[in-house]
């Protein structure tokens, strides 16, 4: 063996990247329809979780027989690399190993293509987290590290503080803090390092002009990053100081200043736009509410809800219409509240509802009424604006921070599960909603025995997943359901295309959206960000109620007619 050949062989064997050589297989038209795996290196065996003996000498579609757009895209890219004689790079989600890959393809000769694959799952998920966070509809948004250094900030920082994003990104938070607030800020950073979120923290930031502004922060540590949002509360602070000054003079000017004191108290404790109580009012009454609940062993529940895709309202119609939607939401919500309930605008499009003497089920019922009220009463200009709800009943002597976090996490799960839904705070509560048993209805018969068989199997697998317990069982059921959904969508799509159904393309697009959403849910579940109850809304609402029982039935009459015509033309 020559030195050059030895080096090439050593590089192939020891490369950290997954390398494979493909012999192209062509159909009658000369297009590539599959490939024969000639060689694979150890890194590919590790990445694809298959031994070389299971791969070499076998066709790609034999090793991974599950047909989908992902596999077809890979085969098409092999064809393109062979025809163009240029390197083709594609990023795709490799469903068969549950990872995102970046694969470079280049032709070695007319019938041989090499592939070099790298696992980019962490890079893709991190970018999705960053992008989704910075595009959410909060005022000032930032991503930082655990040392308190800005990594990403949005445009609102420049609007409020005057610094460009370049002047902030890479800088330490403490470089901009008022000296009197530095100790408290360092203590807050230590708290975040311990994976404890901060739901309300206030400090003073130096603007580019040299003045200081009060910022109120909410910060959540996730992994090695800190995700934070802030609001400028300088004006509210000014009003609070003014209120304190007025109160100091009340002893001498009681009669004269009563009206003014009331006005300032209202400004300090209520939201100017909606007229609801604000977070400052919540701070004033919270201790009394919790003490009473503990003293008399009373139940008390918290509902946190956030308007869905509210940024789109502002972007489409402008902030004046967005403000009107917030006021309209307040009006609709008040219709279902008791006198004892406390509705608070936390900021932006987020609200909190405190419900004394109310258990979890009662709070869920109220939240569901609010959800339906919003869904069924569209705004005159902005149209239908829905909300996602998180509900938590307080445990005896539970701190407000922990109680709030449970409700906030439940609301986050509601968002991740598809929005416009109510989610309780615990896995046990969520599972109590998911003990379902779907029975086949005569009206669901499509006319095709094969499609009906696949639909029945889909219901069976979905029911099994929703009613199961245990992580091992969950993984097994998820894998089986995923494979069947992909198989069913492909089969149904091919049948509709073969019969020239007019809406075949649009229906296939719906399939792709559902697959993407399901893939994202599975990945989020495996990352530990959500529990199995998050699959309830997707399976019941998206997959069965909205798609199978609303979209699929649209082609049933067409399918019956076409299959009947086919049978009538068949020889007897």
Protein backbone atom coordinates (compact mmCIF):
# COMPACT_ATOMS: atom_id res chain seq x y z
CA UNK A 1 0.00 0.00 0.00
CA UNK A 2 1.40 3.40 -0.96
CA UNK A 3 1.96 6.09 1.66
CA UNK A 4 -0.78 8.20 0.08
CA UNK A 5 -3.26 5.30 0.20
CA UNK A 6 -2.31 4.64 3.82
CA UNK A 7 -2.96 8.27 4.75
CA UNK A 8 -6.31 8.23 2.96
CA UNK A 9 -7.33 5.02 4.72
CA UNK A 10 -6.23 6.37 8.11
CA UNK A 11 -8.15 9.61 7.54
CA UNK A 12 -11.26 7.61 6.57
CA UNK A 13 -11.06 5.39 9.65
CA UNK A 14 -10.18 8.07 12.22
CA UNK A 15 -12.24 11.00 10.96
CA UNK A 16 -14.66 12.35 13.62
CA UNK A 17 -17.14 12.97 10.80
CA UNK A 18 -19.42 10.23 9.47
CA UNK A 19 -18.25 9.22 5.97
CA UNK A 20 -19.90 6.85 3.50
CA UNK A 21 -19.36 5.92 -0.16
CA UNK A 22 -22.51 5.37 -2.24
CA UNK A 23 -22.78 3.50 -5.54
CA UNK A 24 -25.69 5.17 -7.34
CA UNK A 25 -28.59 3.02 -8.57
CA UNK A 26 -30.62 4.44 -11.43
CA UNK A 27 -34.08 3.81 -12.85
CA UNK A 28 -35.04 3.41 -16.52
CA UNK A 29 -34.86 7.18 -17.08
CA UNK A 30 -31.34 7.41 -15.69
CA UNK A 31 -32.42 9.21 -12.53
CA UNK A 32 -30.95 8.06 -9.22
CA UNK A 33 -33.57 6.05 -7.29
CA UNK A 34 -31.41 4.54 -4.54
CA UNK A 35 -27.81 3.91 -3.57
CA UNK A 36 -25.67 0.93 -2.58
CA UNK A 37 -23.54 1.59 0.51
CA UNK A 38 -19.96 0.62 -0.42
CA UNK A 39 -18.00 1.72 2.67
CA UNK A 40 -18.76 3.43 5.98
CA UNK A 41 -16.33 4.61 8.64
CA UNK A 42 -16.58 4.04 12.44
CA UNK A 43 -17.90 7.57 13.04
CA UNK A 44 -20.90 6.81 10.79
CA UNK A 45 -21.57 3.57 12.65
CA UNK A 46 -21.76 5.56 15.90
CA UNK A 47 -23.90 8.36 14.44
CA UNK A 48 -26.37 6.07 12.60
CA UNK A 49 -26.40 3.52 15.46
CA UNK A 50 -25.77 0.67 13.00
CA UNK A 51 -22.79 -1.65 12.61
CA UNK A 52 -20.94 -1.61 9.29
CA UNK A 53 -22.06 -5.17 8.68
CA UNK A 54 -25.67 -3.97 8.70
CA UNK A 55 -24.92 -1.24 6.15
CA UNK A 56 -22.21 -2.16 3.67
CA UNK A 57 -23.46 -3.94 0.56
CA UNK A 58 -27.08 -2.94 1.15
CA UNK A 59 -29.28 -0.35 -0.54
CA UNK A 60 -30.00 2.86 1.40
CA UNK A 61 -33.77 2.36 1.13
CA UNK A 62 -33.34 -1.21 2.27
CA UNK A 63 -31.54 -0.10 5.42
CA UNK A 64 -33.99 2.75 6.00
CA UNK A 65 -37.12 1.57 4.15
CA UNK A 66 -39.49 4.14 5.64
CA UNK A 67 -40.47 6.40 2.72
CA UNK A 68 -40.75 10.13 3.43
CA UNK A 69 -39.79 13.46 1.94
CA UNK A 70 -36.62 13.31 4.04
CA UNK A 71 -35.34 10.13 2.40
CA UNK A 72 -36.48 11.29 -1.04
CA UNK A 73 -34.63 14.56 -0.56
CA UNK A 74 -31.42 12.68 0.24
CA UNK A 75 -31.74 10.47 -2.87
CA UNK A 76 -32.46 13.55 -5.04
CA UNK A 77 -29.36 15.26 -3.62
CA UNK A 78 -27.23 12.24 -4.57
CA UNK A 79 -28.58 12.59 -8.11
CA UNK A 80 -27.85 16.33 -8.17
CA UNK A 81 -24.29 15.84 -6.90
CA UNK A 82 -23.66 13.22 -9.60
CA UNK A 83 -25.11 15.31 -12.42
CA UNK A 84 -23.59 18.69 -11.46
CA UNK A 85 -20.22 17.31 -10.32
CA UNK A 86 -20.30 19.94 -7.54
CA UNK A 87 -20.57 19.65 -3.79
CA UNK A 88 -24.14 19.61 -2.48
CA UNK A 89 -24.72 20.49 1.18
CA UNK A 90 -28.05 19.89 2.89
CA UNK A 91 -29.31 20.25 6.44
CA UNK A 92 -32.12 17.89 7.35
CA UNK A 93 -33.75 16.10 10.26
CA UNK A 94 -32.72 12.42 10.11
CA UNK A 95 -35.90 10.89 11.45
CA UNK A 96 -34.43 7.41 11.74
CA UNK A 97 -31.90 8.55 14.39
CA UNK A 98 -33.77 11.59 15.72
CA UNK A 99 -30.99 14.08 14.92
CA UNK A 100 -30.36 17.08 12.68
CA UNK A 101 -27.51 16.47 10.22
CA UNK A 102 -25.43 18.63 7.90
CA UNK A 103 -24.34 16.40 5.01
CA UNK A 104 -21.96 17.28 2.21
CA UNK A 105 -22.24 15.19 -0.99
CA UNK A 106 -19.69 15.17 -3.80
CA UNK A 107 -19.14 12.90 -6.77
CA UNK A 108 -16.07 10.67 -6.88
CA UNK A 109 -16.92 9.48 -10.37
CA UNK A 110 -20.02 9.18 -12.56
CA UNK A 111 -21.60 6.51 -10.36
CA UNK A 112 -20.02 7.03 -6.94
CA UNK A 113 -20.79 9.77 -4.41
CA UNK A 114 -19.20 10.34 -1.01
CA UNK A 115 -21.16 11.74 1.92
CA UNK A 116 -19.74 13.46 5.02
CA UNK A 117 -22.29 13.99 7.81
CA UNK A 118 -22.05 16.05 10.99
CA UNK A 119 -24.49 16.12 13.93
CA UNK A 120 -25.82 19.70 14.22
CA UNK A 121 -28.76 18.96 16.53
CA UNK A 122 -27.50 21.16 19.35
CA UNK A 123 -26.74 24.04 16.97
CA UNK A 124 -30.21 23.87 15.38
CA UNK A 125 -32.08 23.66 18.68
CA UNK A 126 -30.06 26.50 20.18
CA UNK A 127 -30.74 28.76 17.21
CA UNK A 128 -34.46 27.91 17.34
CA UNK A 129 -34.51 28.81 21.04
CA UNK A 130 -32.68 32.11 20.47
CA UNK A 131 -34.77 33.14 17.47
CA UNK A 132 -38.09 32.22 19.06
CA UNK A 133 -37.19 34.04 22.25
CA UNK A 134 -36.07 37.28 20.61
CA UNK A 135 -39.13 37.40 18.34
CA UNK A 136 -41.65 36.99 21.19
CA UNK A 137 -43.77 40.00 21.98
CA UNK A 138 -42.13 41.42 25.11
CA UNK A 139 -40.56 44.83 25.53
CA UNK A 140 -36.83 44.38 26.18
CA UNK A 141 -35.39 40.91 25.49
CA UNK A 142 -31.94 39.52 26.22
CA UNK A 143 -29.99 36.27 26.27
CA UNK A 144 -26.99 36.11 28.57
CA UNK A 145 -24.58 33.63 30.08
CA UNK A 146 -24.36 32.59 33.74
CA UNK A 147 -21.59 35.16 34.32
CA UNK A 148 -23.95 38.01 33.54
CA UNK A 149 -22.65 38.81 30.07
CA UNK A 150 -25.05 39.88 27.30
CA UNK A 151 -25.03 37.48 24.31
CA UNK A 152 -28.03 38.75 22.35
CA UNK A 153 -30.30 41.75 22.90
CA UNK A 154 -33.16 43.12 20.82
CA UNK A 155 -33.78 46.55 19.32
CA UNK A 156 -35.85 47.71 22.28
CA UNK A 157 -32.69 48.05 24.37
CA UNK A 158 -31.53 50.80 22.04
CA UNK A 159 -34.96 52.45 22.17
CA UNK A 160 -34.97 52.51 25.99
CA UNK A 161 -31.30 52.90 26.94
CA UNK A 162 -29.81 54.43 23.80
CA UNK A 163 -27.08 51.81 23.26
CA UNK A 164 -26.82 49.92 19.99
CA UNK A 165 -26.88 46.13 20.15
CA UNK A 166 -23.14 46.08 19.35
CA UNK A 167 -22.46 48.26 22.38
CA UNK A 168 -24.24 45.79 24.69
CA UNK A 169 -23.57 42.33 23.28
CA UNK A 170 -20.46 40.85 24.86
CA UNK A 171 -20.54 43.33 27.78
CA UNK A 172 -21.18 42.51 31.43
CA UNK A 173 -24.54 43.50 32.87
CA UNK A 174 -22.77 44.95 35.91
CA UNK A 175 -20.99 47.52 33.70
CA UNK A 176 -24.27 49.46 33.44
CA UNK A 177 -25.70 49.10 36.98
CA UNK A 178 -26.14 51.97 39.44
CA UNK A 179 -23.51 51.59 42.21
CA UNK A 180 -26.21 51.38 44.88
CA UNK A 181 -27.86 48.44 43.06
CA UNK A 182 -24.68 46.49 42.29
CA UNK A 183 -24.75 44.24 45.38
CA UNK A 184 -28.40 43.27 44.85
CA UNK A 185 -27.75 42.60 41.14
CA UNK A 186 -24.81 40.30 41.92
CA UNK A 187 -27.02 38.44 44.40
CA UNK A 188 -29.68 38.06 41.69
CA UNK A 189 -27.09 36.62 39.28
CA UNK A 190 -26.05 34.11 41.97
CA UNK A 191 -29.68 33.06 42.32
CA UNK A 192 -29.93 32.48 38.56
CA UNK A 193 -26.73 30.40 38.62
CA UNK A 194 -28.56 28.09 41.04
CA UNK A 195 -31.25 27.51 38.35
CA UNK A 196 -33.83 29.59 40.27
CA UNK A 197 -35.88 31.97 38.06
CA UNK A 198 -36.50 35.59 38.99
CA UNK A 199 -40.05 36.73 38.33
CA UNK A 200 -39.56 40.29 39.52
CA UNK A 201 -36.28 42.11 40.06
CA UNK A 202 -35.73 45.87 39.80
CA UNK A 203 -32.48 47.77 39.38
CA UNK A 204 -31.25 50.98 37.77
CA UNK A 205 -29.46 50.97 34.43
CA UNK A 206 -27.27 53.75 33.10
CA UNK A 207 -28.49 55.11 29.75
CA UNK A 208 -26.10 56.29 27.07
CA UNK A 209 -27.01 59.87 28.07
CA UNK A 210 -25.78 59.17 31.61
CA UNK A 211 -29.19 59.15 33.30
CA UNK A 212 -30.49 56.06 35.09
CA UNK A 213 -33.73 54.23 34.42
CA UNK A 214 -35.51 51.67 36.57
CA UNK A 215 -35.88 48.30 34.80
CA UNK A 216 -38.09 45.52 36.06
CA UNK A 217 -36.77 42.08 35.05
CA UNK A 218 -38.07 38.55 34.64
CA UNK A 219 -35.27 36.03 34.09
CA UNK A 220 -35.25 32.26 33.56
CA UNK A 221 -32.08 30.10 33.53
CA UNK A 222 -32.23 27.31 30.94
CA UNK A 223 -29.10 25.23 30.50
CA UNK A 224 -26.07 27.48 30.29
CA UNK A 225 -28.08 30.55 29.26
CA UNK A 226 -30.25 33.12 31.01
CA UNK A 227 -33.33 34.35 29.13
CA UNK A 228 -34.62 37.69 30.38
CA UNK A 229 -37.21 40.35 29.63
CA UNK A 230 -37.41 43.84 31.12
CA UNK A 231 -39.72 46.84 31.25
CA UNK A 232 -38.91 50.48 31.90
CA UNK A 233 -40.70 51.31 35.18
CA UNK A 234 -39.12 54.72 35.74
CA UNK A 235 -42.43 56.54 35.36
CA UNK A 236 -44.14 54.21 37.82
CA UNK A 237 -41.32 54.78 40.29
CA UNK A 238 -41.76 58.49 39.89
CA UNK A 239 -45.45 58.13 40.70
CA UNK A 240 -44.64 55.97 43.73
CA UNK A 241 -42.29 58.63 45.09
CA UNK A 242 -44.89 61.26 44.43
CA UNK A 243 -47.43 59.14 46.31
CA UNK A 244 -45.08 58.80 49.26
CA UNK A 245 -44.57 62.55 49.35
CA UNK A 246 -48.32 63.14 49.32
CA UNK A 247 -48.86 60.61 52.13
CA UNK A 248 -46.30 62.44 54.29
CA UNK A 249 -48.43 65.60 54.12
CA UNK A 250 -51.77 63.91 54.76
CA UNK A 251 -51.65 64.59 58.49
CA UNK A 252 -51.67 68.36 57.79
CA UNK A 253 -53.74 68.51 54.59
CA UNK A 254 -56.11 65.53 54.91
CA UNK A 255 -59.18 67.17 53.44
CA UNK A 256 -57.31 68.95 50.65
CA UNK A 257 -55.21 66.03 49.45
CA UNK A 258 -57.67 63.12 49.73
CA UNK A 259 -58.73 63.34 46.07
CA UNK A 260 -55.18 63.69 44.81
CA UNK A 261 -54.01 60.79 46.99
CA UNK A 262 -56.73 58.57 45.56
CA UNK A 263 -55.75 59.47 42.01
CA UNK A 264 -52.08 58.69 42.58
CA UNK A 265 -52.90 55.47 44.44
CA UNK A 266 -54.99 54.40 41.47
CA UNK A 267 -52.20 55.23 39.05
CA UNK A 268 -49.67 53.27 41.09
CA UNK A 269 -51.81 50.15 41.54
CA UNK A 270 -53.69 49.93 38.25
CA UNK A 271 -52.72 49.46 34.65
CA UNK A 272 -53.37 52.68 32.75
CA UNK A 273 -54.43 50.97 29.52
CA UNK A 274 -56.87 48.32 30.78
CA UNK A 275 -57.81 49.65 34.21
CA UNK A 276 -56.85 46.29 35.77
CA UNK A 277 -54.71 45.92 38.86
CA UNK A 278 -50.97 45.79 38.19
CA UNK A 279 -48.09 43.84 39.68
CA UNK A 280 -47.50 46.54 42.31
CA UNK A 281 -51.03 46.01 43.64
CA UNK A 282 -50.39 42.26 43.69
CA UNK A 283 -47.34 42.81 45.89
CA UNK A 284 -49.48 44.81 48.32
CA UNK A 285 -52.26 42.23 48.79
CA UNK A 286 -50.40 38.96 48.25
CA UNK A 287 -49.21 38.33 51.82
CA UNK A 288 -52.69 38.91 53.22
CA UNK A 289 -54.27 36.56 50.69
CA UNK A 290 -51.80 33.75 51.35
CA UNK A 291 -51.92 34.19 55.13
CA UNK A 292 -55.70 33.93 55.08
CA UNK A 293 -55.60 30.81 52.88
CA UNK A 294 -53.16 29.11 55.28
CA UNK A 295 -54.97 30.26 58.43
CA UNK A 296 -58.37 28.94 57.37
CA UNK A 297 -57.08 26.09 55.18
CA UNK A 298 -58.78 27.62 52.13
CA UNK A 299 -58.00 26.65 48.55
CA UNK A 300 -56.76 29.35 46.21
CA UNK A 301 -55.86 28.98 42.55
CA UNK A 302 -53.83 30.99 40.06
CA UNK A 303 -54.48 31.27 36.32
CA UNK A 304 -51.83 32.80 34.06
CA UNK A 305 -52.81 33.45 30.47
CA UNK A 306 -51.00 35.01 27.55
CA UNK A 307 -52.52 36.13 24.24
CA UNK A 308 -51.36 33.96 21.32
CA UNK A 309 -49.33 35.55 18.52
CA UNK A 310 -50.05 39.05 19.81
CA UNK A 311 -46.97 40.37 18.03
CA UNK A 312 -48.75 39.63 14.75
CA UNK A 313 -51.62 41.91 15.82
CA UNK A 314 -49.24 44.81 16.47
CA UNK A 315 -47.23 44.13 13.31
CA UNK A 316 -50.35 43.88 11.14
CA UNK A 317 -52.65 46.54 12.60
CA UNK A 318 -50.32 48.71 14.67
CA UNK A 319 -50.02 49.27 18.41
CA UNK A 320 -53.23 51.34 18.74
CA UNK A 321 -55.26 48.34 17.56
CA UNK A 322 -53.12 46.10 19.81
CA UNK A 323 -54.06 48.29 22.77
CA UNK A 324 -57.73 48.00 21.82
CA UNK A 325 -57.39 44.19 21.71
CA UNK A 326 -55.96 44.22 25.25
CA UNK A 327 -58.87 46.34 26.49
CA UNK A 328 -61.33 44.09 24.63
CA UNK A 329 -59.73 41.03 26.24
CA UNK A 330 -60.16 42.64 29.66
CA UNK A 331 -63.83 43.33 28.96
CA UNK A 332 -64.50 39.72 27.89
CA UNK A 333 -62.59 38.25 30.85
CA UNK A 334 -64.46 40.31 33.45
CA UNK A 335 -67.78 38.75 32.39
CA UNK A 336 -66.83 35.43 34.02
CA UNK A 337 -65.25 36.68 37.27
CA UNK A 338 -66.63 36.80 40.81
CA UNK A 339 -66.26 39.83 43.03
CA UNK A 340 -63.55 38.04 45.05
CA UNK A 341 -61.44 37.22 41.96
CA UNK A 342 -58.47 39.49 41.21
CA UNK A 343 -57.55 40.04 37.54
CA UNK A 344 -54.10 41.54 36.99
CA UNK A 345 -52.25 42.65 33.90
CA UNK A 346 -48.68 41.48 34.41
CA UNK A 347 -47.41 43.37 31.39
CA UNK A 348 -47.53 43.14 27.62
CA UNK A 349 -50.15 40.56 26.67
CA UNK A 350 -49.81 38.51 29.87
CA UNK A 351 -52.47 38.39 32.60
CA UNK A 352 -52.88 36.68 35.98
CA UNK A 353 -56.10 35.71 37.74
CA UNK A 354 -56.13 35.03 41.50
CA UNK A 355 -59.16 32.98 42.57
CA UNK A 356 -59.66 32.66 46.36
CA UNK A 357 -61.63 29.66 47.67
CA UNK A 358 -61.28 27.90 44.30
CA UNK A 359 -59.73 24.49 43.71
CA UNK A 360 -57.90 23.32 40.58
CA UNK A 361 -60.97 21.92 38.80
CA UNK A 362 -62.93 25.09 39.46
CA UNK A 363 -60.12 27.25 38.14
CA UNK A 364 -59.78 25.05 35.05
CA UNK A 365 -63.50 25.50 34.34
CA UNK A 366 -63.21 29.28 34.61
CA UNK A 367 -60.08 29.30 32.44
CA UNK A 368 -61.88 27.20 29.82
CA UNK A 369 -64.80 29.66 29.84
CA UNK A 370 -62.38 32.55 29.30
CA UNK A 371 -60.64 30.64 26.50
CA UNK A 372 -63.92 29.97 24.69
CA UNK A 373 -65.07 33.56 25.24
CA UNK A 374 -61.96 34.91 23.51
CA UNK A 375 -62.13 32.33 20.73
CA UNK A 376 -65.80 32.98 19.94
CA UNK A 377 -65.77 36.80 20.11
CA UNK A 378 -63.34 38.17 17.52
CA UNK A 379 -62.27 41.79 17.68
CA UNK A 380 -63.88 44.02 15.03
CA UNK A 381 -60.51 44.87 13.43
CA UNK A 382 -57.93 42.30 14.54
CA UNK A 383 -60.26 39.31 14.36
CA UNK A 384 -59.97 36.25 16.60
CA UNK A 385 -57.28 36.48 19.28
CA UNK A 386 -56.86 33.35 21.39
CA UNK A 387 -54.92 32.78 24.62
CA UNK A 388 -52.98 29.98 26.32
CA UNK A 389 -53.71 29.28 29.99
CA UNK A 390 -51.72 27.73 32.84
CA UNK A 391 -53.57 26.78 36.03
CA UNK A 392 -52.18 25.90 39.47
CA UNK A 393 -53.85 25.33 42.82
CA UNK A 394 -51.66 26.50 45.69
CA UNK A 395 -50.42 23.88 48.12
CA UNK A 396 -50.66 24.69 51.80
CA UNK A 397 -47.80 27.00 52.88
CA UNK A 398 -46.40 26.99 49.32
CA UNK A 399 -44.38 30.09 48.46
CA UNK A 400 -45.76 32.44 45.85
CA UNK A 401 -42.58 32.04 43.77
CA UNK A 402 -43.01 28.26 43.49
CA UNK A 403 -46.76 28.50 42.97
CA UNK A 404 -46.32 31.13 40.25
CA UNK A 405 -43.62 29.06 38.57
CA UNK A 406 -45.93 26.03 38.35
CA UNK A 407 -48.70 28.08 36.72
CA UNK A 408 -46.19 29.79 34.40
CA UNK A 409 -44.71 26.44 33.32
CA UNK A 410 -48.19 25.07 32.66
CA UNK A 411 -48.92 28.11 30.46
CA UNK A 412 -45.63 27.50 28.62
CA UNK A 413 -46.66 23.88 27.99
CA UNK A 414 -50.01 25.14 26.66
CA UNK A 415 -48.09 27.36 24.24
CA UNK A 416 -45.78 24.56 23.14
CA UNK A 417 -48.73 22.19 22.73
CA UNK A 418 -50.35 24.35 20.08
CA UNK A 419 -51.76 27.43 21.91
CA UNK A 420 -55.43 28.25 22.59
CA UNK A 421 -55.76 25.70 25.37
CA UNK A 422 -55.82 25.26 29.16
CA UNK A 423 -53.10 23.25 30.86
CA UNK A 424 -53.03 22.26 34.58
CA UNK A 425 -49.80 22.53 36.52
CA UNK A 426 -49.00 18.90 37.30
CA UNK A 427 -48.47 15.72 35.33
CA UNK A 428 -51.10 13.99 37.47
CA UNK A 429 -53.70 16.63 36.72
CA UNK A 430 -52.85 16.56 33.03
CA UNK A 431 -53.09 12.78 32.88
CA UNK A 432 -56.56 12.90 34.41
CA UNK A 433 -57.63 14.64 31.23
CA UNK A 434 -56.03 12.10 28.92
CA UNK A 435 -57.71 8.81 29.81
CA UNK A 436 -59.45 8.50 26.47
CA UNK A 437 -60.86 5.63 24.47
CA UNK A 438 -61.84 6.39 20.90
CA UNK A 439 -64.46 4.12 19.34
CA UNK A 440 -64.73 3.89 15.59
CA UNK A 441 -67.75 5.68 14.13
CA UNK A 442 -69.53 4.56 10.96
CA UNK A 443 -69.30 8.09 9.58
CA UNK A 444 -65.49 7.80 9.60
CA UNK A 445 -65.41 5.14 6.87
CA UNK A 446 -63.62 6.68 3.90
CA UNK A 447 -64.55 4.10 1.26
CA UNK A 448 -61.00 2.73 1.15
CA UNK A 449 -60.39 -0.32 3.30
CA UNK A 450 -56.67 0.42 3.47
CA UNK A 451 -57.15 4.05 4.59
CA UNK A 452 -59.77 2.98 7.17
CA UNK A 453 -57.39 0.31 8.46
CA UNK A 454 -54.66 2.92 8.86
CA UNK A 455 -57.06 5.35 10.59
CA UNK A 456 -58.12 2.64 13.05
CA UNK A 457 -54.48 1.86 13.77
CA UNK A 458 -53.83 5.58 14.30
CA UNK A 459 -56.64 5.81 16.88
CA UNK A 460 -55.38 2.68 18.62
CA UNK A 461 -51.80 3.95 18.89
CA UNK A 462 -52.88 7.46 19.95
CA UNK A 463 -55.13 6.05 22.69
CA UNK A 464 -52.32 3.81 23.92
CA UNK A 465 -49.90 6.75 24.17
CA UNK A 466 -52.39 9.01 25.96
CA UNK A 467 -53.29 6.36 28.54
CA UNK A 468 -49.84 4.94 29.24
CA UNK A 469 -47.42 5.63 32.13
CA UNK A 470 -43.64 5.32 32.38
CA UNK A 471 -40.80 6.74 30.30
CA UNK A 472 -39.81 3.40 28.73
CA UNK A 473 -43.37 2.76 27.61
CA UNK A 474 -43.65 6.34 26.38
CA UNK A 475 -40.58 6.04 24.15
CA UNK A 476 -41.84 2.76 22.69
CA UNK A 477 -45.32 4.16 21.98
CA UNK A 478 -43.93 7.42 20.57
CA UNK A 479 -41.68 5.53 18.16
CA UNK A 480 -44.50 3.30 16.96
CA UNK A 481 -46.95 6.20 16.60
CA UNK A 482 -44.35 8.30 14.73
CA UNK A 483 -43.65 5.53 12.23
CA UNK A 484 -47.35 4.92 11.63
CA UNK A 485 -48.18 8.62 11.16
CA UNK A 486 -45.38 8.99 8.61
CA UNK A 487 -46.41 5.77 6.82
CA UNK A 488 -50.11 6.70 6.81
CA UNK A 489 -49.52 10.23 5.48
CA UNK A 490 -47.31 8.89 2.68
CA UNK A 491 -49.83 6.18 1.73
CA UNK A 492 -52.78 8.55 1.79
CA UNK A 493 -50.89 11.15 -0.24
CA UNK A 494 -49.92 8.66 -2.94
CA UNK A 495 -53.52 7.41 -3.23
CA UNK A 496 -55.00 10.91 -3.57
CA UNK A 497 -52.38 11.85 -6.17
CA UNK A 498 -53.00 8.64 -8.10
CA UNK A 499 -56.75 9.33 -8.20
CA UNK A 500 -56.12 13.00 -9.23
CA UNK A 501 -57.83 14.49 -6.18
CA UNK A 502 -57.97 18.27 -6.69
CA UNK A 503 -56.87 19.07 -3.14
CA UNK A 504 -54.05 16.49 -2.96
CA UNK A 505 -51.25 19.08 -2.82
CA UNK A 506 -52.91 21.15 -0.11
CA UNK A 507 -53.65 18.01 1.90
CA UNK A 508 -50.02 16.92 1.65
CA UNK A 509 -48.96 20.34 2.98
CA UNK A 510 -51.19 19.79 6.02
CA UNK A 511 -49.43 16.45 6.56
CA UNK A 512 -46.03 18.14 6.50
CA UNK A 513 -47.10 20.78 9.03
CA UNK A 514 -48.39 18.10 11.40
CA UNK A 515 -45.20 16.04 11.02
CA UNK A 516 -43.03 19.08 11.76
CA UNK A 517 -45.07 19.94 14.83
CA UNK A 518 -44.98 16.35 16.12
CA UNK A 519 -41.21 16.13 15.56
CA UNK A 520 -40.74 19.35 17.53
CA UNK A 521 -42.93 18.08 20.38
CA UNK A 522 -40.95 14.84 20.59
CA UNK A 523 -37.63 16.68 20.61
CA UNK A 524 -38.85 19.09 23.31
CA UNK A 525 -40.10 16.13 25.38
CA UNK A 526 -36.78 14.31 25.06
CA UNK A 527 -34.95 17.49 26.09
CA UNK A 528 -37.00 17.41 29.31
CA UNK A 529 -38.78 20.73 28.65
CA UNK A 530 -42.31 19.22 28.59
CA UNK A 531 -44.05 16.15 29.97
CA UNK A 532 -46.14 13.53 28.17
CA UNK A 533 -49.35 15.46 28.83
CA UNK A 534 -48.22 17.95 26.17
CA UNK A 535 -49.00 15.31 23.53
CA UNK A 536 -52.68 15.29 24.57
CA UNK A 537 -53.60 18.50 22.76
CA UNK A 538 -51.66 17.59 19.62
CA UNK A 539 -53.19 14.12 19.30
CA UNK A 540 -56.76 15.02 20.26
CA UNK A 541 -57.08 18.51 18.80
CA UNK A 542 -54.62 18.66 15.90
CA UNK A 543 -54.31 15.09 14.67
CA UNK A 544 -57.74 13.59 15.34
CA UNK A 545 -60.32 16.38 15.73
CA UNK A 546 -58.90 18.98 13.31
CA UNK A 547 -57.23 16.77 10.72
CA UNK A 548 -58.71 13.28 10.64
CA UNK A 549 -62.30 14.27 11.47
CA UNK A 550 -62.38 17.61 9.61
CA UNK A 551 -59.82 17.58 6.80
CA UNK A 552 -59.82 13.89 5.84
CA UNK A 553 -63.61 13.67 5.57
CA UNK A 554 -63.48 16.28 2.79
CA UNK A 555 -62.22 13.69 0.32
CA UNK A 556 -64.35 10.73 1.49
CA UNK A 557 -67.16 11.23 -1.07
CA UNK A 558 -64.58 11.71 -3.86
CA UNK A 559 -62.73 8.58 -2.74
CA UNK A 560 -65.90 6.47 -2.61
CA UNK A 561 -66.91 7.64 -6.10
CA UNK A 562 -63.50 6.94 -7.66
CA UNK A 563 -63.16 3.53 -6.06
CA UNK A 564 -66.71 2.63 -7.11
CA UNK A 565 -65.90 3.63 -10.71
CA UNK A 566 -62.75 1.52 -10.58
CA UNK A 567 -64.72 -1.49 -9.33
CA UNK A 568 -67.37 -1.07 -12.06
CA UNK A 569 -64.67 -1.11 -14.77
CA UNK A 570 -62.96 -4.18 -13.36
CA UNK A 571 -63.67 -7.44 -15.24
CA UNK A 572 -66.27 -9.58 -13.46
